C-alpha atoms as a PDB file:
ATOM      1  CA  MET A   1     -64.137  95.566  84.342  1.00  0.00           C
ATOM      2  CA  LEU A   2     -60.734  94.089  83.507  1.00  0.00           C
ATOM      3  CA  LEU A   3     -58.873  97.185  84.755  1.00  0.00           C
ATOM      4  CA  SER A   4     -60.737  96.921  88.048  1.00  0.00           C
ATOM      5  CA  SER A   5     -59.622  93.285  88.384  1.00  0.00           C
ATOM      6  CA  VAL A   6     -56.025  94.253  87.617  1.00  0.00           C
ATOM      7  CA  GLN A   7     -56.080  97.043  90.195  1.00  0.00           C
ATOM      8  CA  LYS A   8     -57.480  94.612  92.781  1.00  0.00           C
ATOM      9  CA  GLY A   9     -54.719  92.134  91.886  1.00  0.00           C
ATOM     10  CA  ILE A  10     -52.120  94.843  92.513  1.00  0.00           C
ATOM     11  CA  TYR A  11     -53.768  96.237  95.660  1.00  0.00           C
ATOM     12  CA  GLU A  12     -54.002  92.939  97.545  1.00  0.00           C
ATOM     13  CA  PRO A  13     -50.281  92.046  97.736  1.00  0.00           C
ATOM     14  CA  LEU A  14     -49.437  95.661  98.599  1.00  0.00           C
ATOM     15  CA  GLU A  15     -52.025  95.759 101.380  1.00  0.00           C
ATOM     16  CA  GLU A  16     -50.685  92.468 102.780  1.00  0.00           C
ATOM     17  CA  SER A  17     -46.980  93.371 102.538  1.00  0.00           C
ATOM     18  CA  LEU A  18     -46.640  97.065 103.323  1.00  0.00           C
ATOM     19  CA  GLU A  19     -46.653  98.586 106.785  1.00  0.00           C
ATOM     20  CA  VAL A  20     -48.176 101.809 105.434  1.00  0.00           C
ATOM     21  CA  PRO A  21     -51.748 102.301 104.202  1.00  0.00           C
ATOM     22  CA  VAL A  22     -52.504 101.671 100.525  1.00  0.00           C
ATOM     23  CA  LYS A  23     -55.217 103.946  99.145  1.00  0.00           C
ATOM     24  CA  ASP A  24     -57.242 104.335  95.984  1.00  0.00           C
ATOM     25  CA  TYR A  25     -58.704 107.538  97.396  1.00  0.00           C
ATOM     26  CA  VAL A  26     -56.951 109.752  99.959  1.00  0.00           C
ATOM     27  CA  PRO A  27     -59.183 111.544 102.453  1.00  0.00           C
ATOM     28  CA  GLU A  28     -58.186 114.981 103.711  1.00  0.00           C
ATOM     29  CA  LYS A  29     -55.830 114.993 106.679  1.00  0.00           C
ATOM     30  CA  GLU A  30     -54.523 111.463 105.924  1.00  0.00           C
ATOM     31  CA  GLU A  31     -51.442 110.751 108.029  1.00  0.00           C
ATOM     32  CA  PHE A  32     -48.149 110.196 106.236  1.00  0.00           C
ATOM     33  CA  PRO A  33     -46.627 108.028 104.882  1.00  0.00           C
ATOM     34  CA  TYR A  34     -49.045 106.324 102.522  1.00  0.00           C
ATOM     35  CA  VAL A  35     -49.235 104.702  99.093  1.00  0.00           C
ATOM     36  CA  VAL A  36     -51.763 105.647  96.406  1.00  0.00           C
ATOM     37  CA  LEU A  37     -52.811 103.618  93.393  1.00  0.00           C
ATOM     38  CA  GLY A  38     -52.747 106.228  90.632  1.00  0.00           C
ATOM     39  CA  GLU A  39     -53.832 106.094  87.032  1.00  0.00           C
ATOM     40  CA  ILE A  40     -54.205 102.775  85.281  1.00  0.00           C
ATOM     41  CA  SER A  41     -54.268 102.340  81.505  1.00  0.00           C
ATOM     42  CA  SER A  42     -54.263  99.568  78.948  1.00  0.00           C
ATOM     43  CA  VAL A  43     -53.623  98.962  75.271  1.00  0.00           C
ATOM     44  CA  GLU A  44     -54.625  95.956  73.212  1.00  0.00           C
ATOM     45  CA  TYR A  45     -52.128  93.122  72.921  1.00  0.00           C
ATOM     46  CA  LYS A  46     -53.200  90.530  70.385  1.00  0.00           C
ATOM     47  CA  THR A  47     -51.283  87.739  68.699  1.00  0.00           C
ATOM     48  CA  LYS A  48     -52.375  84.531  66.979  1.00  0.00           C
ATOM     49  CA  THR A  49     -52.706  82.871  70.391  1.00  0.00           C
ATOM     50  CA  THR A  50     -53.302  85.826  72.720  1.00  0.00           C
ATOM     51  CA  ASP A  51     -56.275  88.143  73.230  1.00  0.00           C
ATOM     52  CA  GLY A  52     -54.805  90.360  75.862  1.00  0.00           C
ATOM     53  CA  LYS A  53     -53.835  93.752  77.128  1.00  0.00           C
ATOM     54  CA  ARG A  54     -50.703  95.561  78.224  1.00  0.00           C
ATOM     55  CA  VAL A  55     -51.697  97.304  81.457  1.00  0.00           C
ATOM     56  CA  THR A  56     -49.733 100.037  83.227  1.00  0.00           C
ATOM     57  CA  GLN A  57     -50.492 101.028  86.834  1.00  0.00           C
ATOM     58  CA  ARG A  58     -48.825 104.071  88.420  1.00  0.00           C
ATOM     59  CA  ILE A  59     -48.266 103.836  92.157  1.00  0.00           C
ATOM     60  CA  PHE A  60     -47.300 106.825  94.292  1.00  0.00           C
ATOM     61  CA  VAL A  61     -45.647 107.147  97.703  1.00  0.00           C
ATOM     62  CA  PHE A  62     -45.987 110.239  99.906  1.00  0.00           C
ATOM     63  CA  SER A  63     -43.877 110.904 103.017  1.00  0.00           C
ATOM     64  CA  THR A  64     -43.105 113.819 105.309  1.00  0.00           C
ATOM     65  CA  ALA A  65     -40.048 112.156 106.874  1.00  0.00           C
ATOM     66  CA  GLU A  66     -36.813 114.122 106.627  1.00  0.00           C
ATOM     67  CA  GLY A  67     -34.846 113.016 103.600  1.00  0.00           C
ATOM     68  CA  LYS A  68     -35.665 110.469 100.939  1.00  0.00           C
ATOM     69  CA  ALA A  69     -34.770 107.317 102.915  1.00  0.00           C
ATOM     70  CA  GLU A  70     -38.334 106.445 103.968  1.00  0.00           C
ATOM     71  CA  THR A  71     -39.681 107.008 100.458  1.00  0.00           C
ATOM     72  CA  HIS A  72     -36.882 104.897  98.922  1.00  0.00           C
ATOM     73  CA  SER A  73     -37.616 102.118 101.419  1.00  0.00           C
ATOM     74  CA  ILE A  74     -41.346 102.078 100.622  1.00  0.00           C
ATOM     75  CA  VAL A  75     -40.648 102.078  96.859  1.00  0.00           C
ATOM     76  CA  GLU A  76     -38.371  99.045  97.340  1.00  0.00           C
ATOM     77  CA  GLN A  77     -41.025  97.289  99.454  1.00  0.00           C
ATOM     78  CA  ILE A  78     -43.605  97.882  96.699  1.00  0.00           C
ATOM     79  CA  GLU A  79     -41.310  96.356  94.079  1.00  0.00           C
ATOM     80  CA  GLU A  80     -40.651  93.322  96.297  1.00  0.00           C
ATOM     81  CA  ALA A  81     -44.362  92.827  97.001  1.00  0.00           C
ATOM     82  CA  LEU A  82     -45.328  93.026  93.329  1.00  0.00           C
ATOM     83  CA  MET A  83     -42.495  90.876  91.991  1.00  0.00           C
ATOM     84  CA  GLU A  84     -42.416  88.166  94.694  1.00  0.00           C
ATOM     85  CA  ASP A  85     -45.124  86.025  93.070  1.00  0.00           C
ATOM     86  CA  GLU A  86     -47.205  86.115  89.916  1.00  0.00           C
ATOM     87  CA  LEU A  87     -50.214  88.327  90.542  1.00  0.00           C
ATOM     88  CA  GLU A  88     -53.671  86.803  90.515  1.00  0.00           C
ATOM     89  CA  ILE A  89     -56.007  88.675  88.180  1.00  0.00           C
ATOM     90  CA  GLU A  90     -59.644  87.590  88.001  1.00  0.00           C
ATOM     91  CA  GLY A  91     -60.602  86.803  84.404  1.00  0.00           C
ATOM     92  CA  ALA A  92     -57.041  86.861  83.058  1.00  0.00           C
ATOM     93  CA  ASN A  93     -53.729  85.025  82.991  1.00  0.00           C
ATOM     94  CA  VAL A  94     -50.570  86.996  83.669  1.00  0.00           C
ATOM     95  CA  ILE A  95     -48.008  86.554  80.898  1.00  0.00           C
ATOM     96  CA  MET A  96     -45.474  89.071  82.229  1.00  0.00           C
ATOM     97  CA  GLN A  97     -45.174  91.544  85.076  1.00  0.00           C
ATOM     98  CA  SER A  98     -42.394  94.064  85.650  1.00  0.00           C
ATOM     99  CA  VAL A  99     -41.477  97.343  87.269  1.00  0.00           C
ATOM    100  CA  LYS A 100     -40.992  99.643  84.297  1.00  0.00           C
ATOM    101  CA  SER A 101     -39.645 102.663  86.209  1.00  0.00           C
ATOM    102  CA  GLU A 102     -39.146 104.129  89.670  1.00  0.00           C
ATOM    103  CA  SER A 103     -38.400 107.650  90.828  1.00  0.00           C
ATOM    104  CA  VAL A 104     -38.127 109.572  94.104  1.00  0.00           C
ATOM    105  CA  TRP A 105     -38.151 113.367  94.438  1.00  0.00           C
ATOM    106  CA  GLN A 106     -38.864 116.225  96.818  1.00  0.00           C
ATOM    107  CA  ALA A 107     -41.876 118.360  95.952  1.00  0.00           C
ATOM    108  CA  ASP A 108     -41.850 122.149  96.289  1.00  0.00           C
ATOM    109  CA  ASP A 109     -43.830 121.928  99.544  1.00  0.00           C
ATOM    110  CA  GLY A 110     -41.152 119.678 101.144  1.00  0.00           C
ATOM    111  CA  LEU A 111     -43.132 116.459 100.719  1.00  0.00           C
ATOM    112  CA  PHE A 112     -41.084 113.478  99.558  1.00  0.00           C
ATOM    113  CA  CYS A 113     -42.698 111.552  96.730  1.00  0.00           C
ATOM    114  CA  GLY A 114     -42.064 108.295  94.949  1.00  0.00           C
ATOM    115  CA  SER A 115     -43.498 106.863  91.761  1.00  0.00           C
ATOM    116  CA  ILE A 116     -43.511 103.321  90.406  1.00  0.00           C
ATOM    117  CA  GLU A 117     -44.746 102.373  86.970  1.00  0.00           C
ATOM    118  CA  PHE A 118     -45.799  98.718  87.030  1.00  0.00           C
ATOM    119  CA  GLU A 119     -46.626  96.882  83.823  1.00  0.00           C
ATOM    120  CA  LEU A 120     -48.523  93.673  83.209  1.00  0.00           C
ATOM    121  CA  LEU A 121     -49.111  91.724  80.046  1.00  0.00           C
ATOM    122  CA  ILE A 122     -52.303  89.723  80.463  1.00  0.00           C
ATOM    123  CA  ASP A 123     -54.280  87.272  78.384  1.00  0.00           C
ATOM    124  CA  LYS A 124     -58.042  87.340  78.885  1.00  0.00           C
ATOM    125  CA  GLU A 125     -59.520  84.002  79.953  1.00  0.00           C
END
């Protein structure tokens, strides 16, 4: 349940800030560009005062525009949206949030792709 709350906490600021659709599932024939919430994972993070998790969410961008400019722009918008304010996660307090990595590339089929790895350190309420 906690991963679902984290994904919702990531989805909401993206949906509000981006001019392109943000998807968890991409139907066939979806128009480009769009953003997809990819895999999400967590590992335990416990200290004397914390009963938490380190959560990583991969976020993907897909574009058919010529060149990487549109994909770069969307990746930057995602980073701004996620780092502007502390995310609100139901059932948890955010200790830390950061963009761990970003990349942009051209796939073999000509599609331009971007990837963001976003990490949160949360303490369960």
